[in-house]
Amino acid sequence: DVSGLANLELLQHDIAAESLPDSTFDFVHARLVLMHLPEPEIAVARMVGALRPGGWLMLEEFDVPPLGSEAGVDGGATTLRTSVAFRTAMERSGVDMQCGRRLPGIMRGHGLVSIGGQGRMSLWTGGSAGAHLMRTNYVGLQKRMIDDGFIHAVDFNADLARLNDAEFVAVSPTMWSVWGRLP
């Protein structure tokens, strides 16, 4: 809750459709936005244009390795059939599953300096917040994944049940947090 903080103003905005006021903000942040946009470069240009000189932009996006390239984890990390179906559905709808790794270059291309960043991965175990995120995402695309033939309902339901299993372990996508400053 940020109520009562006189020096902070939160705004919600559709960056894909609307411009921002020029040279207005000291800090602009977007999380898990660009990977879903058909023209992320336009959104970044709008964000950079909204920065005051010396202002900072922070972008956070997932980077999901190509299927079959996940690093194994001792203890039985699992790639669910639903994970494969989910990725297929996302990619076919235009989501850039490797957006995170592109952030430093995007920022450099828009003239930002002092670029830095970090990538974070986690183990998502059965019943954890990560498993809950997986469930929420899968349920949101359930109809499409099944109707498009990416997975059968029986396999989908079995995978959902595994997300509560204490023995379930998955490796999260890498969350890239990258920042840069407008000179």
N, C-alpha and C. Protein backbone atom coordinates (compact mmCIF):
# COMPACT_ATOMS: atom_id res chain seq x y z
N ASP A 1 0.84 -1.18 0.00
CA ASP A 1 0.00 0.00 0.00
C ASP A 1 0.88 1.24 0.00
N VAL A 2 0.64 2.14 -0.94
CA VAL A 2 1.45 3.35 -1.05
C VAL A 2 0.67 4.59 -0.64
N SER A 3 -0.52 4.41 -0.10
CA SER A 3 -1.29 5.58 0.32
C SER A 3 -0.52 6.30 1.42
N GLY A 4 -0.55 7.61 1.36
CA GLY A 4 0.15 8.40 2.34
C GLY A 4 1.59 8.72 1.99
N LEU A 5 2.08 8.22 0.86
CA LEU A 5 3.43 8.55 0.42
C LEU A 5 3.35 9.73 -0.55
N ALA A 6 3.67 10.90 -0.06
CA ALA A 6 3.50 12.13 -0.83
C ALA A 6 4.39 12.20 -2.06
N ASN A 7 5.51 11.49 -2.04
CA ASN A 7 6.45 11.58 -3.16
C ASN A 7 6.28 10.46 -4.19
N LEU A 8 5.18 9.73 -4.12
CA LEU A 8 4.97 8.62 -5.03
C LEU A 8 3.58 8.70 -5.64
N GLU A 9 3.55 8.60 -6.94
CA GLU A 9 2.28 8.57 -7.66
C GLU A 9 2.30 7.34 -8.57
N LEU A 10 1.32 6.47 -8.43
CA LEU A 10 1.21 5.29 -9.27
C LEU A 10 0.18 5.55 -10.35
N LEU A 11 0.54 5.19 -11.59
CA LEU A 11 -0.36 5.36 -12.72
C LEU A 11 -0.46 4.03 -13.45
N GLN A 12 -1.63 3.72 -13.95
CA GLN A 12 -1.83 2.54 -14.79
C GLN A 12 -2.03 3.04 -16.21
N HIS A 13 -1.47 2.28 -17.18
CA HIS A 13 -1.43 2.81 -18.54
C HIS A 13 -1.39 1.66 -19.55
N ASP A 14 -2.02 1.84 -20.70
CA ASP A 14 -1.92 0.87 -21.80
C ASP A 14 -0.82 1.33 -22.74
N ILE A 15 0.38 0.86 -22.50
CA ILE A 15 1.56 1.32 -23.23
C ILE A 15 1.51 0.93 -24.71
N ALA A 16 0.73 -0.07 -25.06
CA ALA A 16 0.64 -0.50 -26.45
C ALA A 16 -0.22 0.45 -27.28
N ALA A 17 -1.10 1.19 -26.61
CA ALA A 17 -2.06 2.01 -27.35
C ALA A 17 -1.94 3.50 -27.10
N GLU A 18 -1.29 3.88 -26.01
CA GLU A 18 -1.30 5.29 -25.61
C GLU A 18 0.12 5.81 -25.39
N SER A 19 0.30 7.06 -25.75
CA SER A 19 1.58 7.72 -25.46
C SER A 19 1.62 8.13 -24.00
N LEU A 20 2.81 8.40 -23.53
CA LEU A 20 3.02 8.91 -22.19
C LEU A 20 3.45 10.37 -22.29
N PRO A 21 3.29 11.13 -21.22
CA PRO A 21 3.77 12.52 -21.26
C PRO A 21 5.30 12.55 -21.39
N ASP A 22 5.81 13.46 -22.19
CA ASP A 22 7.26 13.56 -22.42
C ASP A 22 8.00 14.07 -21.20
N SER A 23 9.18 13.51 -20.97
CA SER A 23 10.14 13.99 -19.96
C SER A 23 9.49 14.29 -18.62
N THR A 24 8.74 13.34 -18.10
CA THR A 24 7.96 13.58 -16.89
C THR A 24 8.42 12.77 -15.68
N PHE A 25 8.90 11.56 -15.88
CA PHE A 25 9.10 10.64 -14.78
C PHE A 25 10.58 10.42 -14.46
N ASP A 26 10.86 10.23 -13.16
CA ASP A 26 12.20 9.87 -12.71
C ASP A 26 12.44 8.37 -12.81
N PHE A 27 11.35 7.60 -12.79
CA PHE A 27 11.46 6.14 -12.80
C PHE A 27 10.25 5.57 -13.51
N VAL A 28 10.51 4.67 -14.45
CA VAL A 28 9.45 3.94 -15.15
C VAL A 28 9.77 2.45 -15.01
N HIS A 29 8.76 1.66 -14.68
CA HIS A 29 8.94 0.23 -14.45
C HIS A 29 7.85 -0.54 -15.19
N ALA A 30 8.24 -1.60 -15.86
CA ALA A 30 7.28 -2.51 -16.50
C ALA A 30 7.72 -3.94 -16.22
N ARG A 31 6.78 -4.77 -15.82
CA ARG A 31 7.08 -6.17 -15.50
C ARG A 31 6.13 -7.08 -16.27
N LEU A 32 6.72 -8.00 -17.03
CA LEU A 32 5.98 -8.99 -17.80
C LEU A 32 4.97 -8.33 -18.73
N VAL A 33 5.41 -7.30 -19.41
CA VAL A 33 4.58 -6.56 -20.36
C VAL A 33 5.08 -6.78 -21.78
N LEU A 34 6.35 -6.52 -22.01
CA LEU A 34 6.90 -6.50 -23.38
C LEU A 34 6.74 -7.84 -24.09
N MET A 35 6.90 -8.93 -23.38
CA MET A 35 6.84 -10.25 -24.02
C MET A 35 5.48 -10.52 -24.67
N HIS A 36 4.46 -9.78 -24.24
CA HIS A 36 3.11 -9.99 -24.76
C HIS A 36 2.74 -9.02 -25.88
N LEU A 37 3.60 -8.06 -26.17
CA LEU A 37 3.27 -7.02 -27.15
C LEU A 37 3.79 -7.37 -28.54
N PRO A 38 2.99 -7.11 -29.59
CA PRO A 38 3.46 -7.38 -30.94
C PRO A 38 4.58 -6.42 -31.37
N GLU A 39 4.62 -5.23 -30.78
CA GLU A 39 5.65 -4.25 -31.11
C GLU A 39 6.28 -3.68 -29.83
N PRO A 40 7.10 -4.48 -29.16
CA PRO A 40 7.67 -4.02 -27.89
C PRO A 40 8.57 -2.79 -28.03
N GLU A 41 9.19 -2.63 -29.18
CA GLU A 41 10.08 -1.48 -29.38
C GLU A 41 9.32 -0.15 -29.26
N ILE A 42 8.08 -0.12 -29.73
CA ILE A 42 7.28 1.09 -29.61
C ILE A 42 7.00 1.39 -28.14
N ALA A 43 6.69 0.37 -27.38
CA ALA A 43 6.42 0.56 -25.95
C ALA A 43 7.66 1.08 -25.23
N VAL A 44 8.82 0.51 -25.54
CA VAL A 44 10.05 0.96 -24.89
C VAL A 44 10.36 2.40 -25.28
N ALA A 45 10.16 2.75 -26.55
CA ALA A 45 10.39 4.13 -26.98
C ALA A 45 9.50 5.10 -26.21
N ARG A 46 8.26 4.71 -25.97
CA ARG A 46 7.35 5.55 -25.19
C ARG A 46 7.83 5.69 -23.75
N MET A 47 8.29 4.60 -23.17
CA MET A 47 8.77 4.64 -21.79
C MET A 47 10.01 5.52 -21.68
N VAL A 48 10.95 5.34 -22.60
CA VAL A 48 12.17 6.15 -22.57
C VAL A 48 11.83 7.62 -22.78
N GLY A 49 10.91 7.92 -23.69
CA GLY A 49 10.50 9.30 -23.93
C GLY A 49 9.84 9.95 -22.73
N ALA A 50 9.29 9.14 -21.85
CA ALA A 50 8.62 9.67 -20.65
C ALA A 50 9.60 9.98 -19.52
N LEU A 51 10.85 9.54 -19.67
CA LEU A 51 11.84 9.78 -18.62
C LEU A 51 12.39 11.20 -18.67
N ARG A 52 12.61 11.77 -17.50
CA ARG A 52 13.36 13.01 -17.39
C ARG A 52 14.84 12.68 -17.62
N PRO A 53 15.65 13.63 -18.04
CA PRO A 53 17.10 13.35 -18.10
C PRO A 53 17.59 12.86 -16.74
N GLY A 54 18.37 11.80 -16.77
CA GLY A 54 18.85 11.18 -15.53
C GLY A 54 17.89 10.16 -14.95
N GLY A 55 16.69 10.02 -15.55
CA GLY A 55 15.70 9.07 -15.05
C GLY A 55 16.06 7.64 -15.39
N TRP A 56 15.48 6.72 -14.65
CA TRP A 56 15.78 5.29 -14.78
C TRP A 56 14.58 4.52 -15.33
N LEU A 57 14.88 3.55 -16.19
CA LEU A 57 13.89 2.60 -16.70
C LEU A 57 14.28 1.22 -16.18
N MET A 58 13.31 0.50 -15.64
CA MET A 58 13.53 -0.88 -15.22
C MET A 58 12.50 -1.76 -15.92
N LEU A 59 13.00 -2.76 -16.62
CA LEU A 59 12.16 -3.72 -17.33
C LEU A 59 12.43 -5.10 -16.76
N GLU A 60 11.35 -5.85 -16.55
CA GLU A 60 11.48 -7.22 -16.04
C GLU A 60 10.65 -8.14 -16.93
N GLU A 61 11.31 -9.15 -17.45
CA GLU A 61 10.65 -10.09 -18.36
C GLU A 61 11.19 -11.49 -18.12
N PHE A 62 10.33 -12.47 -18.35
CA PHE A 62 10.75 -13.87 -18.30
C PHE A 62 11.57 -14.22 -19.53
N ASP A 63 12.43 -15.18 -19.33
CA ASP A 63 13.15 -15.82 -20.41
C ASP A 63 13.01 -17.31 -20.18
N VAL A 64 12.31 -17.97 -21.08
CA VAL A 64 12.03 -19.39 -20.96
C VAL A 64 12.89 -20.11 -21.98
N PRO A 65 13.75 -21.04 -21.54
CA PRO A 65 14.62 -21.72 -22.50
C PRO A 65 13.80 -22.53 -23.51
N PRO A 66 14.36 -22.74 -24.70
CA PRO A 66 13.66 -23.57 -25.69
C PRO A 66 13.33 -24.95 -25.10
N LEU A 67 12.24 -25.53 -25.56
CA LEU A 67 11.84 -26.85 -25.06
C LEU A 67 12.96 -27.85 -25.24
N GLY A 68 13.13 -28.68 -24.24
CA GLY A 68 14.14 -29.72 -24.30
C GLY A 68 15.51 -29.25 -23.85
N SER A 69 15.69 -27.95 -23.54
CA SER A 69 17.01 -27.47 -23.14
C SER A 69 17.08 -27.16 -21.65
N GLU A 70 16.01 -27.45 -20.89
CA GLU A 70 16.03 -27.17 -19.48
C GLU A 70 17.14 -27.97 -18.81
N ALA A 71 17.86 -27.31 -17.93
CA ALA A 71 18.91 -28.01 -17.19
C ALA A 71 18.26 -28.93 -16.17
N GLY A 72 18.75 -30.14 -16.09
CA GLY A 72 18.24 -31.08 -15.11
C GLY A 72 18.63 -30.66 -13.71
N VAL A 73 17.81 -31.03 -12.74
CA VAL A 73 18.08 -30.73 -11.34
C VAL A 73 18.02 -32.04 -10.59
N ASP A 74 19.05 -32.29 -9.78
CA ASP A 74 19.00 -33.50 -8.95
C ASP A 74 17.76 -33.41 -8.09
N GLY A 75 17.06 -34.51 -7.96
CA GLY A 75 15.83 -34.50 -7.18
C GLY A 75 14.60 -34.57 -8.06
N GLY A 76 14.80 -34.67 -9.38
CA GLY A 76 13.69 -34.96 -10.25
C GLY A 76 12.90 -33.80 -10.78
N ALA A 77 13.55 -32.73 -11.21
CA ALA A 77 12.80 -31.63 -11.84
C ALA A 77 12.00 -32.18 -13.01
N THR A 78 10.81 -31.66 -13.18
CA THR A 78 9.87 -32.22 -14.13
C THR A 78 9.38 -31.17 -15.10
N THR A 79 9.29 -31.57 -16.37
CA THR A 79 8.59 -30.74 -17.36
C THR A 79 7.26 -31.43 -17.62
N LEU A 80 6.19 -30.78 -17.23
CA LEU A 80 4.86 -31.36 -17.41
C LEU A 80 4.42 -31.26 -18.87
N ARG A 81 3.57 -32.17 -19.29
CA ARG A 81 2.99 -32.08 -20.64
C ARG A 81 2.26 -30.75 -20.81
N THR A 82 1.61 -30.31 -19.73
CA THR A 82 0.89 -29.04 -19.79
C THR A 82 1.85 -27.87 -19.98
N SER A 83 3.06 -27.97 -19.44
CA SER A 83 4.06 -26.91 -19.65
C SER A 83 4.40 -26.79 -21.13
N VAL A 84 4.53 -27.92 -21.79
CA VAL A 84 4.84 -27.92 -23.23
C VAL A 84 3.66 -27.33 -24.00
N ALA A 85 2.45 -27.74 -23.66
CA ALA A 85 1.25 -27.23 -24.33
C ALA A 85 1.09 -25.73 -24.09
N PHE A 86 1.36 -25.29 -22.87
CA PHE A 86 1.26 -23.88 -22.53
C PHE A 86 2.24 -23.06 -23.36
N ARG A 87 3.47 -23.51 -23.43
CA ARG A 87 4.48 -22.79 -24.21
C ARG A 87 4.07 -22.72 -25.68
N THR A 88 3.57 -23.81 -26.21
CA THR A 88 3.14 -23.84 -27.61
C THR A 88 2.02 -22.83 -27.84
N ALA A 89 1.05 -22.80 -26.94
CA ALA A 89 -0.07 -21.85 -27.07
C ALA A 89 0.43 -20.41 -26.98
N MET A 90 1.34 -20.15 -26.06
CA MET A 90 1.87 -18.79 -25.91
C MET A 90 2.64 -18.35 -27.15
N GLU A 91 3.52 -19.22 -27.63
CA GLU A 91 4.31 -18.87 -28.82
C GLU A 91 3.43 -18.65 -30.04
N ARG A 92 2.42 -19.48 -30.21
CA ARG A 92 1.54 -19.33 -31.38
C ARG A 92 0.69 -18.08 -31.31
N SER A 93 0.53 -17.53 -30.11
CA SER A 93 -0.21 -16.27 -29.99
C SER A 93 0.72 -15.05 -30.03
N GLY A 94 2.01 -15.30 -30.29
CA GLY A 94 2.94 -14.20 -30.48
C GLY A 94 3.72 -13.77 -29.26
N VAL A 95 3.65 -14.50 -28.16
CA VAL A 95 4.40 -14.15 -26.95
C VAL A 95 5.88 -14.48 -27.17
N ASP A 96 6.75 -13.54 -26.86
CA ASP A 96 8.20 -13.72 -26.99
C ASP A 96 8.72 -14.38 -25.72
N MET A 97 8.89 -15.68 -25.76
CA MET A 97 9.28 -16.44 -24.58
C MET A 97 10.74 -16.22 -24.19
N GLN A 98 11.51 -15.53 -25.01
CA GLN A 98 12.90 -15.25 -24.69
C GLN A 98 13.16 -13.75 -24.63
N CYS A 99 12.14 -13.01 -24.26
CA CYS A 99 12.22 -11.55 -24.19
C CYS A 99 13.27 -11.08 -23.20
N GLY A 100 13.37 -11.74 -22.06
CA GLY A 100 14.27 -11.29 -21.01
C GLY A 100 15.70 -11.10 -21.47
N ARG A 101 16.20 -12.03 -22.27
CA ARG A 101 17.60 -11.95 -22.71
C ARG A 101 17.82 -10.80 -23.69
N ARG A 102 16.75 -10.25 -24.25
CA ARG A 102 16.89 -9.15 -25.21
C ARG A 102 16.91 -7.76 -24.55
N LEU A 103 16.59 -7.69 -23.27
CA LEU A 103 16.42 -6.40 -22.62
C LEU A 103 17.66 -5.51 -22.65
N PRO A 104 18.87 -6.01 -22.36
CA PRO A 104 20.03 -5.11 -22.41
C PRO A 104 20.22 -4.47 -23.79
N GLY A 105 20.07 -5.24 -24.83
CA GLY A 105 20.21 -4.70 -26.18
C GLY A 105 19.13 -3.71 -26.53
N ILE A 106 17.91 -3.98 -26.08
CA ILE A 106 16.80 -3.05 -26.33
C ILE A 106 17.09 -1.71 -25.66
N MET A 107 17.55 -1.76 -24.42
CA MET A 107 17.85 -0.52 -23.70
C MET A 107 19.00 0.25 -24.35
N ARG A 108 20.03 -0.46 -24.71
CA ARG A 108 21.16 0.17 -25.39
C ARG A 108 20.70 0.82 -26.69
N GLY A 109 19.83 0.13 -27.42
CA GLY A 109 19.31 0.65 -28.68
C GLY A 109 18.48 1.91 -28.53
N HIS A 110 17.99 2.16 -27.33
CA HIS A 110 17.19 3.36 -27.06
C HIS A 110 18.00 4.43 -26.35
N GLY A 111 19.33 4.27 -26.35
CA GLY A 111 20.21 5.31 -25.84
C GLY A 111 20.40 5.35 -24.34
N LEU A 112 19.96 4.32 -23.63
CA LEU A 112 20.16 4.31 -22.18
C LEU A 112 21.60 3.94 -21.85
N VAL A 113 22.06 4.41 -20.70
CA VAL A 113 23.42 4.14 -20.23
C VAL A 113 23.34 3.54 -18.84
N SER A 114 24.50 3.20 -18.29
CA SER A 114 24.57 2.59 -16.95
C SER A 114 23.66 1.37 -16.86
N ILE A 115 23.64 0.60 -17.93
CA ILE A 115 22.77 -0.58 -17.99
C ILE A 115 23.32 -1.67 -17.07
N GLY A 116 22.43 -2.21 -16.28
CA GLY A 116 22.78 -3.32 -15.40
C GLY A 116 21.60 -4.26 -15.31
N GLY A 117 21.82 -5.37 -14.65
CA GLY A 117 20.71 -6.29 -14.51
C GLY A 117 21.09 -7.55 -13.78
N GLN A 118 20.09 -8.37 -13.58
CA GLN A 118 20.29 -9.67 -12.98
C GLN A 118 19.20 -10.61 -13.43
N GLY A 119 19.52 -11.89 -13.45
CA GLY A 119 18.55 -12.92 -13.75
C GLY A 119 18.37 -13.79 -12.52
N ARG A 120 17.12 -14.19 -12.25
CA ARG A 120 16.81 -15.02 -11.10
C ARG A 120 15.99 -16.23 -11.54
N MET A 121 16.38 -17.37 -11.00
CA MET A 121 15.62 -18.59 -11.19
C MET A 121 15.29 -19.16 -9.82
N SER A 122 14.23 -19.93 -9.76
CA SER A 122 13.82 -20.54 -8.50
C SER A 122 13.41 -21.98 -8.76
N LEU A 123 13.39 -22.74 -7.69
CA LEU A 123 12.76 -24.06 -7.75
C LEU A 123 11.32 -23.88 -7.30
N TRP A 124 10.42 -24.38 -8.13
CA TRP A 124 9.00 -24.32 -7.79
C TRP A 124 8.59 -25.74 -7.39
N THR A 125 8.22 -25.90 -6.14
CA THR A 125 7.84 -27.21 -5.64
C THR A 125 6.32 -27.30 -5.50
N GLY A 126 5.83 -28.51 -5.36
CA GLY A 126 4.39 -28.72 -5.23
C GLY A 126 3.80 -27.91 -4.10
N GLY A 127 2.73 -27.19 -4.39
CA GLY A 127 2.04 -26.38 -3.40
C GLY A 127 2.64 -25.00 -3.17
N SER A 128 3.76 -24.67 -3.82
CA SER A 128 4.42 -23.39 -3.62
C SER A 128 3.74 -22.27 -4.42
N ALA A 129 4.18 -21.05 -4.19
CA ALA A 129 3.67 -19.91 -4.96
C ALA A 129 3.97 -20.10 -6.45
N GLY A 130 5.13 -20.65 -6.78
CA GLY A 130 5.46 -20.92 -8.18
C GLY A 130 4.50 -21.93 -8.81
N ALA A 131 4.18 -22.98 -8.06
CA ALA A 131 3.22 -23.97 -8.56
C ALA A 131 1.84 -23.33 -8.71
N HIS A 132 1.50 -22.41 -7.82
CA HIS A 132 0.23 -21.69 -7.93
C HIS A 132 0.21 -20.83 -9.21
N LEU A 133 1.32 -20.17 -9.51
CA LEU A 133 1.42 -19.39 -10.74
C LEU A 133 1.25 -20.28 -11.97
N MET A 134 1.91 -21.45 -11.95
CA MET A 134 1.75 -22.39 -13.05
C MET A 134 0.28 -22.77 -13.22
N ARG A 135 -0.37 -23.13 -12.10
CA ARG A 135 -1.78 -23.53 -12.14
C ARG A 135 -2.64 -22.41 -12.73
N THR A 136 -2.45 -21.19 -12.25
CA THR A 136 -3.25 -20.05 -12.71
C THR A 136 -3.07 -19.85 -14.22
N ASN A 137 -1.84 -19.91 -14.68
CA ASN A 137 -1.59 -19.76 -16.12
C ASN A 137 -2.21 -20.90 -16.93
N TYR A 138 -2.06 -22.10 -16.45
CA TYR A 138 -2.60 -23.25 -17.18
C TYR A 138 -4.12 -23.21 -17.25
N VAL A 139 -4.76 -22.92 -16.13
CA VAL A 139 -6.22 -22.87 -16.11
C VAL A 139 -6.72 -21.76 -17.03
N GLY A 140 -5.99 -20.66 -17.09
CA GLY A 140 -6.38 -19.55 -17.97
C GLY A 140 -6.37 -19.92 -19.44
N LEU A 141 -5.50 -20.85 -19.82
CA LEU A 141 -5.42 -21.28 -21.23
C LEU A 141 -5.92 -22.70 -21.45
N GLN A 142 -6.55 -23.29 -20.45
CA GLN A 142 -6.99 -24.68 -20.52
C GLN A 142 -7.81 -24.98 -21.77
N LYS A 143 -8.87 -24.22 -21.98
CA LYS A 143 -9.76 -24.48 -23.11
C LYS A 143 -9.00 -24.41 -24.43
N ARG A 144 -8.21 -23.38 -24.59
CA ARG A 144 -7.46 -23.22 -25.85
C ARG A 144 -6.47 -24.37 -26.06
N MET A 145 -5.73 -24.75 -25.01
CA MET A 145 -4.74 -25.83 -25.15
C MET A 145 -5.41 -27.15 -25.53
N ILE A 146 -6.56 -27.43 -24.92
CA ILE A 146 -7.27 -28.68 -25.22
C ILE A 146 -7.94 -28.59 -26.58
N ASP A 147 -8.66 -27.50 -26.85
CA ASP A 147 -9.36 -27.35 -28.13
C ASP A 147 -8.41 -27.37 -29.31
N ASP A 148 -7.20 -26.79 -29.14
CA ASP A 148 -6.23 -26.76 -30.23
C ASP A 148 -5.41 -28.05 -30.33
N GLY A 149 -5.69 -29.00 -29.45
CA GLY A 149 -5.03 -30.31 -29.52
C GLY A 149 -3.62 -30.33 -28.97
N PHE A 150 -3.25 -29.35 -28.16
CA PHE A 150 -1.90 -29.33 -27.60
C PHE A 150 -1.75 -30.30 -26.44
N ILE A 151 -2.90 -30.65 -25.80
CA ILE A 151 -2.89 -31.59 -24.69
C ILE A 151 -4.29 -32.19 -24.55
N HIS A 152 -4.35 -33.41 -24.02
CA HIS A 152 -5.64 -34.05 -23.73
C HIS A 152 -6.07 -33.66 -22.32
N ALA A 153 -7.38 -33.60 -22.12
CA ALA A 153 -7.94 -33.20 -20.82
C ALA A 153 -7.44 -34.08 -19.69
N VAL A 154 -7.30 -35.37 -19.94
CA VAL A 154 -6.84 -36.31 -18.90
C VAL A 154 -5.43 -35.94 -18.45
N ASP A 155 -4.54 -35.64 -19.41
CA ASP A 155 -3.17 -35.26 -19.07
C ASP A 155 -3.14 -33.91 -18.36
N PHE A 156 -3.97 -32.99 -18.83
CA PHE A 156 -4.04 -31.67 -18.20
C PHE A 156 -4.43 -31.81 -16.72
N ASN A 157 -5.48 -32.56 -16.45
CA ASN A 157 -5.95 -32.73 -15.08
C ASN A 157 -4.92 -33.45 -14.21
N ALA A 158 -4.23 -34.43 -14.78
CA ALA A 158 -3.18 -35.13 -14.02
C ALA A 158 -2.04 -34.17 -13.67
N ASP A 159 -1.68 -33.30 -14.61
CA ASP A 159 -0.61 -32.32 -14.34
C ASP A 159 -1.04 -31.33 -13.27
N LEU A 160 -2.29 -30.87 -13.30
CA LEU A 160 -2.76 -29.96 -12.25
C LEU A 160 -2.65 -30.61 -10.88
N ALA A 161 -2.98 -31.88 -10.79
CA ALA A 161 -2.89 -32.59 -9.52
C ALA A 161 -1.43 -32.66 -9.05
N ARG A 162 -0.51 -32.84 -9.97
CA ARG A 162 0.91 -32.92 -9.61
C ARG A 162 1.43 -31.62 -9.02
N LEU A 163 0.82 -30.51 -9.37
CA LEU A 163 1.27 -29.21 -8.85
C LEU A 163 1.09 -29.11 -7.34
N ASN A 164 0.27 -29.97 -6.75
CA ASN A 164 0.09 -30.00 -5.30
C ASN A 164 0.92 -31.08 -4.63
N ASP A 165 1.57 -31.93 -5.41
CA ASP A 165 2.35 -33.05 -4.89
C ASP A 165 3.65 -32.53 -4.28
N ALA A 166 3.92 -32.89 -3.05
CA ALA A 166 5.13 -32.45 -2.35
C ALA A 166 6.40 -32.89 -3.07
N GLU A 167 6.32 -33.91 -3.90
CA GLU A 167 7.48 -34.41 -4.62
C GLU A 167 7.72 -33.66 -5.94
N PHE A 168 6.79 -32.83 -6.33
CA PHE A 168 6.92 -32.09 -7.59
C PHE A 168 7.98 -31.01 -7.46
N VAL A 169 8.86 -30.90 -8.48
CA VAL A 169 9.88 -29.86 -8.54
C VAL A 169 9.99 -29.41 -9.99
N ALA A 170 9.94 -28.10 -10.19
CA ALA A 170 10.15 -27.53 -11.52
C ALA A 170 11.13 -26.37 -11.40
N VAL A 171 11.84 -26.10 -12.47
CA VAL A 171 12.73 -24.95 -12.52
C VAL A 171 11.95 -23.80 -13.16
N SER A 172 11.95 -22.66 -12.50
CA SER A 172 11.22 -21.50 -13.02
C SER A 172 11.90 -20.96 -14.27
N PRO A 173 11.18 -20.17 -15.05
CA PRO A 173 11.86 -19.39 -16.09
C PRO A 173 12.81 -18.41 -15.41
N THR A 174 13.75 -17.89 -16.15
CA THR A 174 14.62 -16.84 -15.61
C THR A 174 13.87 -15.52 -15.70
N MET A 175 13.80 -14.82 -14.57
CA MET A 175 13.23 -13.48 -14.54
C MET A 175 14.39 -12.50 -14.66
N TRP A 176 14.46 -11.80 -15.79
CA TRP A 176 15.49 -10.78 -16.00
C TRP A 176 14.97 -9.46 -15.51
N SER A 177 15.74 -8.80 -14.66
CA SER A 177 15.48 -7.43 -14.21
C SER A 177 16.63 -6.59 -14.76
N VAL A 178 16.31 -5.67 -15.65
CA VAL A 178 17.36 -4.89 -16.32
C VAL A 178 16.99 -3.41 -16.19
N TRP A 179 18.00 -2.62 -15.87
CA TRP A 179 17.76 -1.18 -15.68
C TRP A 179 18.76 -0.38 -16.50
N GLY A 180 18.37 0.83 -16.81
CA GLY A 180 19.23 1.76 -17.53
C GLY A 180 18.79 3.19 -17.26
N ARG A 181 19.71 4.11 -17.48
CA ARG A 181 19.48 5.53 -17.17
C ARG A 181 19.52 6.34 -18.46
N LEU A 182 18.61 7.29 -18.54
CA LEU A 182 18.62 8.24 -19.65
C LEU A 182 19.67 9.31 -19.36
N PRO A 183 20.64 9.50 -20.25
CA PRO A 183 21.68 10.52 -19.97
C PRO A 183 21.11 11.91 -19.81
